[in-house]
Full PDB file with SEQRES, HELIX, SHEET, SSBOND, CRYST1, ORIGX, SCALE, CONECT and MASTER records, all heavy atoms in Angstrom:
SEQRES   1 A   31  ASP ASP ASP VAL LYS LYS LEU PHE SER LEU SER PHE TYR          
SEQRES   2 A   31  VAL LEU LEU LEU ILE VAL VAL LEU CYS PHE ILE ALA ILE          
SEQRES   3 A   31  CYS ILE ILE TYR ILE                                          
HELIX    1 AA1 ASP A    2  TYR A   30  1                                  29    
CRYST1    1.000    1.000    1.000  90.00  90.00  90.00 P 1           1          
ORIGX1      1.000000  0.000000  0.000000        0.00000                         
ORIGX2      0.000000  1.000000  0.000000        0.00000                         
ORIGX3      0.000000  0.000000  1.000000        0.00000                         
SCALE1      1.000000  0.000000  0.000000        0.00000                         
SCALE2      0.000000  1.000000  0.000000        0.00000                         
SCALE3      0.000000  0.000000  1.000000        0.00000                         
ATOM      1  N   ASP A   1       0.827  -1.205   0.000  1.00  0.00           N  
ATOM      2  CA  ASP A   1       0.000   0.000   0.000  1.00  0.00           C  
ATOM      3  C   ASP A   1       0.861   1.254   0.000  1.00  0.00           C  
ATOM      4  O   ASP A   1       0.483   2.278  -0.573  1.00  0.00           O  
ATOM      5  CB  ASP A   1      -0.919   0.009   1.234  1.00  0.00           C  
ATOM      6  CG  ASP A   1      -2.012  -1.042   1.132  1.00  0.00           C  
ATOM      7  OD1 ASP A   1      -2.296  -1.486   0.005  1.00  0.00           O  
ATOM      8  OD2 ASP A   1      -2.583  -1.407   2.175  1.00  0.00           O  
ATOM      9  N   ASP A   2       2.005   1.176   0.648  1.00  0.00           N  
ATOM     10  CA  ASP A   2       2.923   2.312   0.679  1.00  0.00           C  
ATOM     11  C   ASP A   2       3.424   2.638  -0.724  1.00  0.00           C  
ATOM     12  O   ASP A   2       3.576   3.802  -1.095  1.00  0.00           O  
ATOM     13  CB  ASP A   2       4.100   2.009   1.609  1.00  0.00           C  
ATOM     14  CG  ASP A   2       4.953   3.240   1.875  1.00  0.00           C  
ATOM     15  OD1 ASP A   2       4.377   4.308   2.190  1.00  0.00           O  
ATOM     16  OD2 ASP A   2       6.188   3.144   1.754  1.00  0.00           O  
ATOM     17  N   ASP A   3       3.672   1.590  -1.510  1.00  0.00           N  
ATOM     18  CA  ASP A   3       4.105   1.779  -2.895  1.00  0.00           C  
ATOM     19  C   ASP A   3       2.994   2.410  -3.728  1.00  0.00           C  
ATOM     20  O   ASP A   3       3.257   3.224  -4.624  1.00  0.00           O  
ATOM     21  CB  ASP A   3       4.506   0.441  -3.518  1.00  0.00           C  
ATOM     22  CG  ASP A   3       5.771  -0.134  -2.892  1.00  0.00           C  
ATOM     23  OD1 ASP A   3       6.571   0.659  -2.363  1.00  0.00           O  
ATOM     24  OD2 ASP A   3       5.936  -1.368  -2.924  1.00  0.00           O  
ATOM     25  N   VAL A   4       1.761   2.051  -3.429  1.00  0.00           N  
ATOM     26  CA  VAL A   4       0.607   2.607  -4.146  1.00  0.00           C  
ATOM     27  C   VAL A   4       0.552   4.116  -3.962  1.00  0.00           C  
ATOM     28  O   VAL A   4       0.342   4.871  -4.921  1.00  0.00           O  
ATOM     29  CB  VAL A   4      -0.710   1.970  -3.631  1.00  0.00           C  
ATOM     30  CG1 VAL A   4      -1.912   2.706  -4.207  1.00  0.00           C  
ATOM     31  CG2 VAL A   4      -0.767   0.503  -4.006  1.00  0.00           C  
ATOM     32  N   LYS A   5       0.752   4.572  -2.739  1.00  0.00           N  
ATOM     33  CA  LYS A   5       0.704   6.003  -2.448  1.00  0.00           C  
ATOM     34  C   LYS A   5       1.848   6.751  -3.137  1.00  0.00           C  
ATOM     35  O   LYS A   5       1.675   7.880  -3.597  1.00  0.00           O  
ATOM     36  CB  LYS A   5       0.737   6.219  -0.941  1.00  0.00           C  
ATOM     37  CG  LYS A   5      -0.516   5.685  -0.237  1.00  0.00           C  
ATOM     38  CD  LYS A   5      -0.399   5.708   1.265  1.00  0.00           C  
ATOM     39  CE  LYS A   5      -1.646   5.115   1.912  1.00  0.00           C  
ATOM     40  NZ  LYS A   5      -1.543   5.063   3.386  1.00  0.00           N  
ATOM     41  N   LYS A   6       3.007   6.113  -3.207  1.00  0.00           N  
ATOM     42  CA  LYS A   6       4.145   6.723  -3.894  1.00  0.00           C  
ATOM     43  C   LYS A   6       3.870   6.840  -5.390  1.00  0.00           C  
ATOM     44  O   LYS A   6       4.158   7.868  -6.017  1.00  0.00           O  
ATOM     45  CB  LYS A   6       5.413   5.894  -3.659  1.00  0.00           C  
ATOM     46  CG  LYS A   6       5.912   5.916  -2.227  1.00  0.00           C  
ATOM     47  CD  LYS A   6       7.089   4.982  -2.050  1.00  0.00           C  
ATOM     48  CE  LYS A   6       7.551   4.947  -0.594  1.00  0.00           C  
ATOM     49  NZ  LYS A   6       8.651   3.967  -0.387  1.00  0.00           N  
ATOM     50  N   LEU A   7       3.322   5.777  -5.958  1.00  0.00           N  
ATOM     51  CA  LEU A   7       2.992   5.787  -7.381  1.00  0.00           C  
ATOM     52  C   LEU A   7       1.911   6.818  -7.688  1.00  0.00           C  
ATOM     53  O   LEU A   7       1.947   7.478  -8.735  1.00  0.00           O  
ATOM     54  CB  LEU A   7       2.520   4.397  -7.813  1.00  0.00           C  
ATOM     55  CG  LEU A   7       3.583   3.296  -7.838  1.00  0.00           C  
ATOM     56  CD1 LEU A   7       2.937   1.927  -7.959  1.00  0.00           C  
ATOM     57  CD2 LEU A   7       4.559   3.536  -8.985  1.00  0.00           C  
ATOM     58  N   PHE A   8       0.969   6.947  -6.774  1.00  0.00           N  
ATOM     59  CA  PHE A   8      -0.095   7.947  -6.908  1.00  0.00           C  
ATOM     60  C   PHE A   8       0.512   9.345  -7.004  1.00  0.00           C  
ATOM     61  O   PHE A   8       0.171  10.130  -7.898  1.00  0.00           O  
ATOM     62  CB  PHE A   8      -1.022   7.845  -5.695  1.00  0.00           C  
ATOM     63  CG  PHE A   8      -2.216   8.755  -5.735  1.00  0.00           C  
ATOM     64  CD1 PHE A   8      -3.430   8.318  -6.248  1.00  0.00           C  
ATOM     65  CD2 PHE A   8      -2.140  10.054  -5.248  1.00  0.00           C  
ATOM     66  CE1 PHE A   8      -4.537   9.151  -6.272  1.00  0.00           C  
ATOM     67  CE2 PHE A   8      -3.238  10.900  -5.272  1.00  0.00           C  
ATOM     68  CZ  PHE A   8      -4.444  10.456  -5.785  1.00  0.00           C  
ATOM     69  N   SER A   9       1.425   9.649  -6.091  1.00  0.00           N  
ATOM     70  CA  SER A   9       2.068  10.972  -6.082  1.00  0.00           C  
ATOM     71  C   SER A   9       2.946  11.177  -7.307  1.00  0.00           C  
ATOM     72  O   SER A   9       2.914  12.239  -7.932  1.00  0.00           O  
ATOM     73  CB  SER A   9       2.919  11.134  -4.814  1.00  0.00           C  
ATOM     74  OG  SER A   9       2.129  11.057  -3.652  1.00  0.00           O  
ATOM     75  N   LEU A  10       3.720  10.151  -7.667  1.00  0.00           N  
ATOM     76  CA  LEU A  10       4.600  10.258  -8.827  1.00  0.00           C  
ATOM     77  C   LEU A  10       3.819  10.522 -10.112  1.00  0.00           C  
ATOM     78  O   LEU A  10       4.277  11.255 -10.992  1.00  0.00           O  
ATOM     79  CB  LEU A  10       5.426   8.977  -8.978  1.00  0.00           C  
ATOM     80  CG  LEU A  10       6.657   8.854  -8.071  1.00  0.00           C  
ATOM     81  CD1 LEU A  10       7.265   7.470  -8.184  1.00  0.00           C  
ATOM     82  CD2 LEU A  10       7.696   9.920  -8.427  1.00  0.00           C  
ATOM     83  N   SER A  11       2.637   9.937 -10.205  1.00  0.00           N  
ATOM     84  CA  SER A  11       1.792  10.153 -11.387  1.00  0.00           C  
ATOM     85  C   SER A  11       1.487  11.629 -11.572  1.00  0.00           C  
ATOM     86  O   SER A  11       1.530  12.159 -12.689  1.00  0.00           O  
ATOM     87  CB  SER A  11       0.481   9.363 -11.253  1.00  0.00           C  
ATOM     88  OG  SER A  11       0.717   7.980 -11.202  1.00  0.00           O  
ATOM     89  N   PHE A  12       1.186  12.306 -10.467  1.00  0.00           N  
ATOM     90  CA  PHE A  12       0.854  13.728 -10.555  1.00  0.00           C  
ATOM     91  C   PHE A  12       2.088  14.606 -10.747  1.00  0.00           C  
ATOM     92  O   PHE A  12       2.009  15.666 -11.361  1.00  0.00           O  
ATOM     93  CB  PHE A  12       0.053  14.158  -9.322  1.00  0.00           C  
ATOM     94  CG  PHE A  12      -1.387  13.761  -9.382  1.00  0.00           C  
ATOM     95  CD1 PHE A  12      -1.848  12.628  -8.711  1.00  0.00           C  
ATOM     96  CD2 PHE A  12      -2.289  14.483 -10.160  1.00  0.00           C  
ATOM     97  CE1 PHE A  12      -3.175  12.245  -8.786  1.00  0.00           C  
ATOM     98  CE2 PHE A  12      -3.620  14.102 -10.243  1.00  0.00           C  
ATOM     99  CZ  PHE A  12      -4.059  12.982  -9.559  1.00  0.00           C  
ATOM    100  N   TYR A  13       3.234  14.162 -10.246  1.00  0.00           N  
ATOM    101  CA  TYR A  13       4.472  14.901 -10.505  1.00  0.00           C  
ATOM    102  C   TYR A  13       4.818  14.856 -11.992  1.00  0.00           C  
ATOM    103  O   TYR A  13       5.228  15.860 -12.585  1.00  0.00           O  
ATOM    104  CB  TYR A  13       5.630  14.324  -9.680  1.00  0.00           C  
ATOM    105  CG  TYR A  13       5.629  14.750  -8.232  1.00  0.00           C  
ATOM    106  CD1 TYR A  13       5.602  13.809  -7.214  1.00  0.00           C  
ATOM    107  CD2 TYR A  13       5.648  16.105  -7.879  1.00  0.00           C  
ATOM    108  CE1 TYR A  13       5.596  14.195  -5.874  1.00  0.00           C  
ATOM    109  CE2 TYR A  13       5.649  16.500  -6.548  1.00  0.00           C  
ATOM    110  CZ  TYR A  13       5.615  15.543  -5.555  1.00  0.00           C  
ATOM    111  OH  TYR A  13       5.605  15.930  -4.234  1.00  0.00           O  
ATOM    112  N   VAL A  14       4.659  13.676 -12.589  1.00  0.00           N  
ATOM    113  CA  VAL A  14       4.903  13.539 -14.027  1.00  0.00           C  
ATOM    114  C   VAL A  14       3.901  14.374 -14.809  1.00  0.00           C  
ATOM    115  O   VAL A  14       4.264  15.044 -15.787  1.00  0.00           O  
ATOM    116  CB  VAL A  14       4.819  12.055 -14.459  1.00  0.00           C  
ATOM    117  CG1 VAL A  14       4.920  11.943 -15.988  1.00  0.00           C  
ATOM    118  CG2 VAL A  14       5.915  11.244 -13.798  1.00  0.00           C  
ATOM    119  N   LEU A  15       2.650  14.345 -14.379  1.00  0.00           N  
ATOM    120  CA  LEU A  15       1.611  15.147 -15.030  1.00  0.00           C  
ATOM    121  C   LEU A  15       1.975  16.631 -14.986  1.00  0.00           C  
ATOM    122  O   LEU A  15       1.821  17.350 -15.992  1.00  0.00           O  
ATOM    123  CB  LEU A  15       0.263  14.920 -14.348  1.00  0.00           C  
ATOM    124  CG  LEU A  15      -0.901  15.818 -14.808  1.00  0.00           C  
ATOM    125  CD1 LEU A  15      -1.159  15.644 -16.297  1.00  0.00           C  
ATOM    126  CD2 LEU A  15      -2.166  15.514 -14.000  1.00  0.00           C  
ATOM    127  N   LEU A  16       2.453  17.095 -13.847  1.00  0.00           N  
ATOM    128  CA  LEU A  16       2.855  18.501 -13.716  1.00  0.00           C  
ATOM    129  C   LEU A  16       3.963  18.839 -14.699  1.00  0.00           C  
ATOM    130  O   LEU A  16       3.935  19.899 -15.345  1.00  0.00           O  
ATOM    131  CB  LEU A  16       3.318  18.772 -12.280  1.00  0.00           C  
ATOM    132  CG  LEU A  16       3.827  20.191 -11.987  1.00  0.00           C  
ATOM    133  CD1 LEU A  16       2.733  21.219 -12.236  1.00  0.00           C  
ATOM    134  CD2 LEU A  16       4.336  20.283 -10.547  1.00  0.00           C  
ATOM    135  N   LEU A  17       4.929  17.945 -14.831  1.00  0.00           N  
ATOM    136  CA  LEU A  17       6.034  18.160 -15.772  1.00  0.00           C  
ATOM    137  C   LEU A  17       5.521  18.229 -17.208  1.00  0.00           C  
ATOM    138  O   LEU A  17       5.903  19.120 -17.976  1.00  0.00           O  
ATOM    139  CB  LEU A  17       7.048  17.028 -15.636  1.00  0.00           C  
ATOM    140  CG  LEU A  17       8.203  17.031 -16.651  1.00  0.00           C  
ATOM    141  CD1 LEU A  17       9.045  18.295 -16.497  1.00  0.00           C  
ATOM    142  CD2 LEU A  17       9.068  15.786 -16.474  1.00  0.00           C  
ATOM    143  N   ILE A  18       4.638  17.308 -17.574  1.00  0.00           N  
ATOM    144  CA  ILE A  18       4.084  17.280 -18.933  1.00  0.00           C  
ATOM    145  C   ILE A  18       3.264  18.537 -19.209  1.00  0.00           C  
ATOM    146  O   ILE A  18       3.317  19.103 -20.313  1.00  0.00           O  
ATOM    147  CB  ILE A  18       3.207  16.025 -19.138  1.00  0.00           C  
ATOM    148  CG1 ILE A  18       4.037  14.756 -18.995  1.00  0.00           C  
ATOM    149  CG2 ILE A  18       2.534  16.066 -20.500  1.00  0.00           C  
ATOM    150  CD1 ILE A  18       5.150  14.620 -20.003  1.00  0.00           C  
ATOM    151  N   VAL A  19       2.510  18.998 -18.212  1.00  0.00           N  
ATOM    152  CA  VAL A  19       1.698  20.213 -18.361  1.00  0.00           C  
ATOM    153  C   VAL A  19       2.595  21.421 -18.621  1.00  0.00           C  
ATOM    154  O   VAL A  19       2.290  22.254 -19.495  1.00  0.00           O  
ATOM    155  CB  VAL A  19       0.834  20.447 -17.107  1.00  0.00           C  
ATOM    156  CG1 VAL A  19       0.289  21.873 -17.084  1.00  0.00           C  
ATOM    157  CG2 VAL A  19      -0.326  19.459 -17.070  1.00  0.00           C  
ATOM    158  N   VAL A  20       3.699  21.528 -17.888  1.00  0.00           N  
ATOM    159  CA  VAL A  20       4.642  22.641 -18.088  1.00  0.00           C  
ATOM    160  C   VAL A  20       5.236  22.581 -19.491  1.00  0.00           C  
ATOM    161  O   VAL A  20       5.330  23.607 -20.184  1.00  0.00           O  
ATOM    162  CB  VAL A  20       5.763  22.593 -17.032  1.00  0.00           C  
ATOM    163  CG1 VAL A  20       6.857  23.611 -17.367  1.00  0.00           C  
ATOM    164  CG2 VAL A  20       5.200  22.880 -15.645  1.00  0.00           C  
ATOM    165  N   LEU A  21       5.618  21.389 -19.932  1.00  0.00           N  
ATOM    166  CA  LEU A  21       6.188  21.232 -21.274  1.00  0.00           C  
ATOM    167  C   LEU A  21       5.162  21.580 -22.354  1.00  0.00           C  
ATOM    168  O   LEU A  21       5.506  22.203 -23.369  1.00  0.00           O  
ATOM    169  CB  LEU A  21       6.687  19.793 -21.463  1.00  0.00           C  
ATOM    170  CG  LEU A  21       7.890  19.377 -20.614  1.00  0.00           C  
ATOM    171  CD1 LEU A  21       8.216  17.898 -20.834  1.00  0.00           C  
ATOM    172  CD2 LEU A  21       9.105  20.239 -20.946  1.00  0.00           C  
ATOM    173  N   CYS A  22       3.916  21.183 -22.126  1.00  0.00           N  
ATOM    174  CA  CYS A  22       2.851  21.512 -23.076  1.00  0.00           C  
ATOM    175  C   CYS A  22       2.626  23.016 -23.153  1.00  0.00           C  
ATOM    176  O   CYS A  22       2.434  23.570 -24.243  1.00  0.00           O  
ATOM    177  CB  CYS A  22       1.551  20.817 -22.673  1.00  0.00           C  
ATOM    178  SG  CYS A  22       1.487  19.065 -23.049  1.00  0.00           S  
ATOM    179  N   PHE A  23       2.643  23.658 -21.996  1.00  0.00           N  
ATOM    180  CA  PHE A  23       2.463  25.114 -21.961  1.00  0.00           C  
ATOM    181  C   PHE A  23       3.558  25.813 -22.759  1.00  0.00           C  
ATOM    182  O   PHE A  23       3.288  26.737 -23.541  1.00  0.00           O  
ATOM    183  CB  PHE A  23       2.468  25.602 -20.515  1.00  0.00           C  
ATOM    184  CG  PHE A  23       2.294  27.093 -20.377  1.00  0.00           C  
ATOM    185  CD1 PHE A  23       1.037  27.670 -20.469  1.00  0.00           C  
ATOM    186  CD2 PHE A  23       3.393  27.920 -20.169  1.00  0.00           C  
ATOM    187  CE1 PHE A  23       0.871  29.043 -20.348  1.00  0.00           C  
ATOM    188  CE2 PHE A  23       3.240  29.293 -20.049  1.00  0.00           C  
ATOM    189  CZ  PHE A  23       1.977  29.858 -20.141  1.00  0.00           C  
ATOM    190  N   ILE A  24       4.783  25.369 -22.578  1.00  0.00           N  
ATOM    191  CA  ILE A  24       5.916  25.953 -23.316  1.00  0.00           C  
ATOM    192  C   ILE A  24       5.753  25.717 -24.814  1.00  0.00           C  
ATOM    193  O   ILE A  24       5.960  26.624 -25.634  1.00  0.00           O  
ATOM    194  CB  ILE A  24       7.243  25.347 -22.822  1.00  0.00           C  
ATOM    195  CG1 ILE A  24       7.502  25.759 -21.368  1.00  0.00           C  
ATOM    196  CG2 ILE A  24       8.406  25.801 -23.716  1.00  0.00           C  
ATOM    197  CD1 ILE A  24       8.696  25.064 -20.739  1.00  0.00           C  
ATOM    198  N   ALA A  25       5.376  24.487 -25.184  1.00  0.00           N  
ATOM    199  CA  ALA A  25       5.205  24.146 -26.597  1.00  0.00           C  
ATOM    200  C   ALA A  25       4.098  24.978 -27.238  1.00  0.00           C  
ATOM    201  O   ALA A  25       4.243  25.463 -28.371  1.00  0.00           O  
ATOM    202  CB  ALA A  25       4.887  22.660 -26.735  1.00  0.00           C  
ATOM    203  N   ILE A  26       2.998  25.168 -26.519  1.00  0.00           N  
ATOM    204  CA  ILE A  26       1.887  25.968 -27.040  1.00  0.00           C  
ATOM    205  C   ILE A  26       2.291  27.424 -27.219  1.00  0.00           C  
ATOM    206  O   ILE A  26       1.944  28.062 -28.227  1.00  0.00           O  
ATOM    207  CB  ILE A  26       0.668  25.864 -26.094  1.00  0.00           C  
ATOM    208  CG1 ILE A  26       0.113  24.440 -26.102  1.00  0.00           C  
ATOM    209  CG2 ILE A  26      -0.436  26.841 -26.518  1.00  0.00           C  
ATOM    210  CD1 ILE A  26      -0.905  24.166 -25.020  1.00  0.00           C  
ATOM    211  N   CYS A  27       3.040  27.947 -26.256  1.00  0.00           N  
ATOM    212  CA  CYS A  27       3.529  29.330 -26.364  1.00  0.00           C  
ATOM    213  C   CYS A  27       4.427  29.494 -27.587  1.00  0.00           C  
ATOM    214  O   CYS A  27       4.335  30.497 -28.306  1.00  0.00           O  
ATOM    215  CB  CYS A  27       4.296  29.723 -25.096  1.00  0.00           C  
ATOM    216  SG  CYS A  27       3.247  29.972 -23.643  1.00  0.00           S  
ATOM    217  N   ILE A  28       5.269  28.494 -27.834  1.00  0.00           N  
ATOM    218  CA  ILE A  28       6.166  28.537 -28.998  1.00  0.00           C  
ATOM    219  C   ILE A  28       5.351  28.537 -30.293  1.00  0.00           C  
ATOM    220  O   ILE A  28       5.653  29.280 -31.238  1.00  0.00           O  
ATOM    221  CB  ILE A  28       7.135  27.337 -28.976  1.00  0.00           C  
ATOM    222  CG1 ILE A  28       8.136  27.495 -27.828  1.00  0.00           C  
ATOM    223  CG2 ILE A  28       7.881  27.217 -30.312  1.00  0.00           C  
ATOM    224  CD1 ILE A  28       9.037  26.296 -27.636  1.00  0.00           C  
ATOM    225  N   ILE A  29       4.312  27.710 -30.334  1.00  0.00           N  
ATOM    226  CA  ILE A  29       3.456  27.634 -31.529  1.00  0.00           C  
ATOM    227  C   ILE A  29       2.825  28.990 -31.832  1.00  0.00           C  
ATOM    228  O   ILE A  29       2.803  29.433 -32.988  1.00  0.00           O  
ATOM    229  CB  ILE A  29       2.353  26.571 -31.338  1.00  0.00           C  
ATOM    230  CG1 ILE A  29       2.963  25.168 -31.337  1.00  0.00           C  
ATOM    231  CG2 ILE A  29       1.294  26.685 -32.445  1.00  0.00           C  
ATOM    232  CD1 ILE A  29       1.975  24.067 -30.998  1.00  0.00           C  
ATOM    233  N   TYR A  30       2.323  29.659 -30.796  1.00  0.00           N  
ATOM    234  CA  TYR A  30       1.648  30.942 -31.000  1.00  0.00           C  
ATOM    235  C   TYR A  30       2.641  32.086 -31.227  1.00  0.00           C  
ATOM    236  O   TYR A  30       2.415  32.948 -32.084  1.00  0.00           O  
ATOM    237  CB  TYR A  30       0.753  31.259 -29.799  1.00  0.00           C  
ATOM    238  CG  TYR A  30      -0.512  30.438 -29.755  1.00  0.00           C  
ATOM    239  CD1 TYR A  30      -1.011  29.957 -28.547  1.00  0.00           C  
ATOM    240  CD2 TYR A  30      -1.227  30.141 -30.910  1.00  0.00           C  
ATOM    241  CE1 TYR A  30      -2.191  29.207 -28.489  1.00  0.00           C  
ATOM    242  CE2 TYR A  30      -2.390  29.394 -30.869  1.00  0.00           C  
ATOM    243  CZ  TYR A  30      -2.866  28.930 -29.660  1.00  0.00           C  
ATOM    244  OH  TYR A  30      -4.026  28.197 -29.623  1.00  0.00           O  
ATOM    245  N   ILE A  31       3.713  32.106 -30.473  1.00  0.00           N  
ATOM    246  CA  ILE A  31       4.693  33.206 -30.587  1.00  0.00           C  
ATOM    247  C   ILE A  31       5.358  33.212 -31.961  1.00  0.00           C  
ATOM    248  O   ILE A  31       5.531  34.263 -32.589  1.00  0.00           O  
ATOM    249  CB  ILE A  31       5.754  33.107 -29.472  1.00  0.00           C  
ATOM    250  CG1 ILE A  31       5.116  33.401 -28.109  1.00  0.00           C  
ATOM    251  CG2 ILE A  31       6.905  34.092 -29.730  1.00  0.00           C  
ATOM    252  CD1 ILE A  31       6.045  33.167 -26.937  1.00  0.00           C  
TER     253      ILE A  31                                                      
MASTER        0    0    0    1    0    0    0    6  252    1    0    3          
END                                                                             
């Protein structure tokens, strides 16, 4: 169960990273 909670958190950390990269990519497309 401890591993489950770690994986849960890691999923959202990766999501945050992907969201930041997407934001940068979108800005580049428009700029």
